Amino acid sequence: MSRKIKIFMPCNEANNICNKAQYKEASLLEKLKLNLHLIYCKACRGYSLNNSKLTKRIEDSKLECLDPKCKEDMKKDLEKALKEQLH
């Protein structure tokens, strides 16, 4: 049984790998295949460029997320308010 490596991929797979690569989750082979795909696919090049711009802007904005305890407290408050509204 031969193991054939598919070099060409559909756009939806390329976009998925683009997302993975952005978060350092893509393998070397996936990155190589993505770069090959980007050579001939203008739409995916645009998607990749927009993805990179979005990530850079989010990183530059220095957003601060709520800590898990605060999120849990907000969730409990919301559930309590919903129960009160239903009764």
N, C-alpha and C. Protein backbone atom coordinates (compact mmCIF):
# COMPACT_ATOMS: atom_id res chain seq x y z
N MET A 1 0.85 -1.18 0.00
CA MET A 1 0.00 0.00 0.00
C MET A 1 0.90 1.25 0.00
N SER A 2 0.72 2.12 -0.95
CA SER A 2 1.55 3.32 -1.02
C SER A 2 0.86 4.47 -0.30
N ARG A 3 1.69 5.27 0.33
CA ARG A 3 1.16 6.48 0.99
C ARG A 3 1.41 7.65 0.07
N LYS A 4 0.36 8.15 -0.49
CA LYS A 4 0.45 9.25 -1.43
C LYS A 4 0.14 10.55 -0.70
N ILE A 5 1.02 11.51 -0.80
CA ILE A 5 0.79 12.81 -0.17
C ILE A 5 0.12 13.72 -1.18
N LYS A 6 -1.05 14.19 -0.84
CA LYS A 6 -1.75 15.11 -1.73
C LYS A 6 -1.17 16.51 -1.55
N ILE A 7 -0.69 17.06 -2.63
CA ILE A 7 -0.09 18.39 -2.58
C ILE A 7 -1.14 19.47 -2.75
N PHE A 8 -2.04 19.27 -3.69
CA PHE A 8 -3.08 20.27 -3.95
C PHE A 8 -4.27 20.02 -3.04
N MET A 9 -4.89 21.09 -2.61
CA MET A 9 -6.02 20.98 -1.69
C MET A 9 -7.11 21.96 -2.07
N PRO A 10 -8.33 21.69 -1.64
CA PRO A 10 -9.42 22.64 -1.90
C PRO A 10 -9.27 23.88 -0.99
N CYS A 11 -9.94 24.94 -1.35
CA CYS A 11 -9.83 26.20 -0.62
C CYS A 11 -10.28 26.08 0.84
N ASN A 12 -11.34 25.31 1.11
CA ASN A 12 -11.80 25.23 2.49
C ASN A 12 -10.74 24.58 3.39
N GLU A 13 -10.00 23.61 2.85
CA GLU A 13 -8.92 23.00 3.63
C GLU A 13 -7.77 23.99 3.81
N ALA A 14 -7.47 24.76 2.76
CA ALA A 14 -6.42 25.78 2.84
C ALA A 14 -6.76 26.83 3.90
N ASN A 15 -8.02 27.24 3.95
CA ASN A 15 -8.43 28.22 4.96
C ASN A 15 -8.32 27.66 6.36
N ASN A 16 -8.65 26.39 6.52
CA ASN A 16 -8.53 25.76 7.82
C ASN A 16 -7.06 25.72 8.27
N ILE A 17 -6.18 25.37 7.36
CA ILE A 17 -4.75 25.32 7.68
C ILE A 17 -4.22 26.73 7.94
N CYS A 18 -4.73 27.70 7.21
CA CYS A 18 -4.35 29.10 7.44
C CYS A 18 -4.66 29.49 8.87
N ASN A 19 -5.85 29.12 9.34
CA ASN A 19 -6.24 29.42 10.72
C ASN A 19 -5.33 28.71 11.71
N LYS A 20 -5.04 27.44 11.44
CA LYS A 20 -4.16 26.68 12.33
C LYS A 20 -2.76 27.28 12.36
N ALA A 21 -2.24 27.68 11.21
CA ALA A 21 -0.90 28.25 11.13
C ALA A 21 -0.81 29.55 11.91
N GLN A 22 -1.89 30.30 11.90
CA GLN A 22 -1.92 31.57 12.60
C GLN A 22 -1.74 31.39 14.11
N TYR A 23 -2.21 30.27 14.63
CA TYR A 23 -2.10 29.99 16.07
C TYR A 23 -1.02 28.97 16.36
N LYS A 24 -0.09 28.80 15.41
CA LYS A 24 1.07 27.90 15.56
C LYS A 24 0.66 26.45 15.81
N GLU A 25 -0.43 26.01 15.19
CA GLU A 25 -0.92 24.65 15.36
C GLU A 25 -0.75 23.80 14.10
N ALA A 26 -0.27 24.38 13.02
CA ALA A 26 -0.13 23.65 11.75
C ALA A 26 1.23 22.95 11.69
N SER A 27 1.24 21.78 11.09
CA SER A 27 2.49 21.04 10.92
C SER A 27 3.29 21.66 9.77
N LEU A 28 4.54 21.24 9.66
CA LEU A 28 5.39 21.74 8.59
C LEU A 28 4.82 21.37 7.22
N LEU A 29 4.35 20.15 7.08
CA LEU A 29 3.77 19.72 5.81
C LEU A 29 2.52 20.54 5.47
N GLU A 30 1.69 20.82 6.46
CA GLU A 30 0.50 21.64 6.22
C GLU A 30 0.89 23.03 5.76
N LYS A 31 1.91 23.61 6.39
CA LYS A 31 2.34 24.95 6.01
C LYS A 31 2.90 24.96 4.59
N LEU A 32 3.64 23.93 4.24
CA LEU A 32 4.17 23.85 2.87
C LEU A 32 3.04 23.74 1.85
N LYS A 33 2.07 22.88 2.14
CA LYS A 33 0.93 22.72 1.24
C LYS A 33 0.14 24.04 1.13
N LEU A 34 -0.01 24.73 2.25
CA LEU A 34 -0.73 26.00 2.23
C LEU A 34 0.01 27.01 1.36
N ASN A 35 1.31 27.11 1.53
CA ASN A 35 2.08 28.07 0.72
C ASN A 35 1.99 27.75 -0.76
N LEU A 36 2.00 26.48 -1.10
CA LEU A 36 1.84 26.09 -2.50
C LEU A 36 0.46 26.49 -3.00
N HIS A 37 -0.56 26.28 -2.19
CA HIS A 37 -1.93 26.66 -2.57
C HIS A 37 -2.03 28.18 -2.76
N LEU A 38 -1.38 28.93 -1.88
CA LEU A 38 -1.46 30.39 -1.96
C LEU A 38 -0.79 30.94 -3.23
N ILE A 39 0.14 30.18 -3.79
CA ILE A 39 0.80 30.61 -5.03
C ILE A 39 -0.21 30.74 -6.17
N TYR A 40 -1.15 29.80 -6.24
CA TYR A 40 -2.07 29.80 -7.38
C TYR A 40 -3.50 30.23 -7.04
N CYS A 41 -3.81 30.49 -5.78
CA CYS A 41 -5.18 30.85 -5.42
C CYS A 41 -5.25 32.27 -4.85
N LYS A 42 -5.75 33.18 -5.65
CA LYS A 42 -5.85 34.59 -5.26
C LYS A 42 -6.83 34.79 -4.09
N ALA A 43 -7.93 34.05 -4.11
CA ALA A 43 -8.94 34.21 -3.05
C ALA A 43 -8.36 33.82 -1.69
N CYS A 44 -7.61 32.73 -1.63
CA CYS A 44 -7.03 32.28 -0.37
C CYS A 44 -5.89 33.19 0.08
N ARG A 45 -5.18 33.79 -0.88
CA ARG A 45 -4.15 34.77 -0.51
C ARG A 45 -4.81 35.95 0.20
N GLY A 46 -5.95 36.39 -0.32
CA GLY A 46 -6.69 37.48 0.32
C GLY A 46 -7.18 37.09 1.70
N TYR A 47 -7.69 35.87 1.82
CA TYR A 47 -8.16 35.38 3.12
C TYR A 47 -7.01 35.36 4.11
N SER A 48 -5.87 34.84 3.69
CA SER A 48 -4.69 34.75 4.55
C SER A 48 -4.22 36.15 4.98
N LEU A 49 -4.21 37.08 4.04
CA LEU A 49 -3.79 38.45 4.34
C LEU A 49 -4.74 39.09 5.35
N ASN A 50 -6.04 38.95 5.13
CA ASN A 50 -7.02 39.52 6.05
C ASN A 50 -6.91 38.88 7.44
N ASN A 51 -6.68 37.59 7.48
CA ASN A 51 -6.51 36.88 8.74
C ASN A 51 -5.31 37.45 9.51
N SER A 52 -4.21 37.66 8.80
CA SER A 52 -3.00 38.19 9.43
C SER A 52 -3.24 39.61 9.95
N LYS A 53 -3.92 40.42 9.16
CA LYS A 53 -4.22 41.79 9.58
C LYS A 53 -5.08 41.80 10.84
N LEU A 54 -6.09 40.95 10.87
CA LEU A 54 -6.98 40.88 12.01
C LEU A 54 -6.22 40.46 13.27
N THR A 55 -5.40 39.44 13.15
CA THR A 55 -4.61 38.98 14.30
C THR A 55 -3.69 40.07 14.80
N LYS A 56 -3.03 40.77 13.88
CA LYS A 56 -2.12 41.84 14.29
C LYS A 56 -2.87 42.96 15.01
N ARG A 57 -4.02 43.32 14.49
CA ARG A 57 -4.79 44.39 15.14
C ARG A 57 -5.28 43.98 16.53
N ILE A 58 -5.67 42.74 16.68
CA ILE A 58 -6.11 42.26 18.00
C ILE A 58 -4.94 42.27 18.97
N GLU A 59 -3.78 41.80 18.51
CA GLU A 59 -2.60 41.81 19.37
C GLU A 59 -2.19 43.23 19.74
N ASP A 60 -2.25 44.15 18.78
CA ASP A 60 -1.87 45.54 19.03
C ASP A 60 -2.84 46.26 19.96
N SER A 61 -4.08 45.78 20.02
CA SER A 61 -5.10 46.46 20.83
C SER A 61 -4.91 46.20 22.32
N LYS A 62 -4.11 45.21 22.66
CA LYS A 62 -3.84 44.86 24.06
C LYS A 62 -5.14 44.65 24.85
N LEU A 63 -6.03 43.84 24.26
CA LEU A 63 -7.28 43.52 24.93
C LEU A 63 -7.03 42.75 26.22
N GLU A 64 -7.83 43.02 27.20
CA GLU A 64 -7.75 42.28 28.44
C GLU A 64 -9.04 41.49 28.61
N CYS A 65 -8.89 40.20 28.85
CA CYS A 65 -10.06 39.33 29.03
C CYS A 65 -10.43 39.25 30.50
N LEU A 66 -11.68 38.93 30.74
CA LEU A 66 -12.13 38.72 32.11
C LEU A 66 -11.51 37.45 32.67
N ASP A 67 -11.21 37.48 33.95
CA ASP A 67 -10.68 36.27 34.56
C ASP A 67 -11.82 35.26 34.72
N PRO A 68 -11.51 33.97 34.82
CA PRO A 68 -12.55 32.93 34.88
C PRO A 68 -13.54 33.12 36.03
N LYS A 69 -13.09 33.57 37.19
CA LYS A 69 -14.00 33.77 38.32
C LYS A 69 -15.04 34.85 38.00
N CYS A 70 -14.60 35.93 37.40
CA CYS A 70 -15.51 37.02 37.05
C CYS A 70 -16.53 36.53 36.02
N LYS A 71 -16.08 35.73 35.04
CA LYS A 71 -17.01 35.19 34.04
C LYS A 71 -18.05 34.29 34.71
N GLU A 72 -17.60 33.47 35.64
CA GLU A 72 -18.52 32.56 36.33
C GLU A 72 -19.54 33.34 37.15
N ASP A 73 -19.09 34.40 37.82
CA ASP A 73 -20.00 35.24 38.60
C ASP A 73 -21.05 35.90 37.68
N MET A 74 -20.61 36.38 36.54
CA MET A 74 -21.54 37.00 35.59
C MET A 74 -22.56 35.99 35.08
N LYS A 75 -22.11 34.77 34.83
CA LYS A 75 -23.00 33.71 34.36
C LYS A 75 -24.06 33.40 35.41
N LYS A 76 -23.65 33.31 36.67
CA LYS A 76 -24.59 33.03 37.75
C LYS A 76 -25.61 34.16 37.88
N ASP A 77 -25.13 35.40 37.79
CA ASP A 77 -26.04 36.55 37.88
C ASP A 77 -27.05 36.54 36.74
N LEU A 78 -26.60 36.20 35.54
CA LEU A 78 -27.49 36.14 34.39
C LEU A 78 -28.53 35.04 34.57
N GLU A 79 -28.09 33.86 35.01
CA GLU A 79 -29.03 32.76 35.24
C GLU A 79 -30.07 33.13 36.30
N LYS A 80 -29.63 33.81 37.34
CA LYS A 80 -30.54 34.24 38.41
C LYS A 80 -31.58 35.23 37.86
N ALA A 81 -31.11 36.19 37.07
CA ALA A 81 -32.01 37.18 36.49
C ALA A 81 -33.01 36.53 35.54
N LEU A 82 -32.56 35.55 34.76
CA LEU A 82 -33.48 34.84 33.84
C LEU A 82 -34.55 34.07 34.62
N LYS A 83 -34.14 33.44 35.70
CA LYS A 83 -35.12 32.69 36.53
C LYS A 83 -36.15 33.64 37.11
N GLU A 84 -35.70 34.80 37.57
CA GLU A 84 -36.62 35.80 38.13
C GLU A 84 -37.61 36.29 37.09
N GLN A 85 -37.16 36.46 35.86
CA GLN A 85 -38.02 36.93 34.79
C GLN A 85 -39.08 35.88 34.41
N LEU A 86 -38.70 34.60 34.52
CA LEU A 86 -39.62 33.54 34.15
C LEU A 86 -40.71 33.31 35.20
N HIS A 87 -40.46 33.71 36.42
CA HIS A 87 -41.42 33.46 37.51
C HIS A 87 -42.21 34.66 37.84
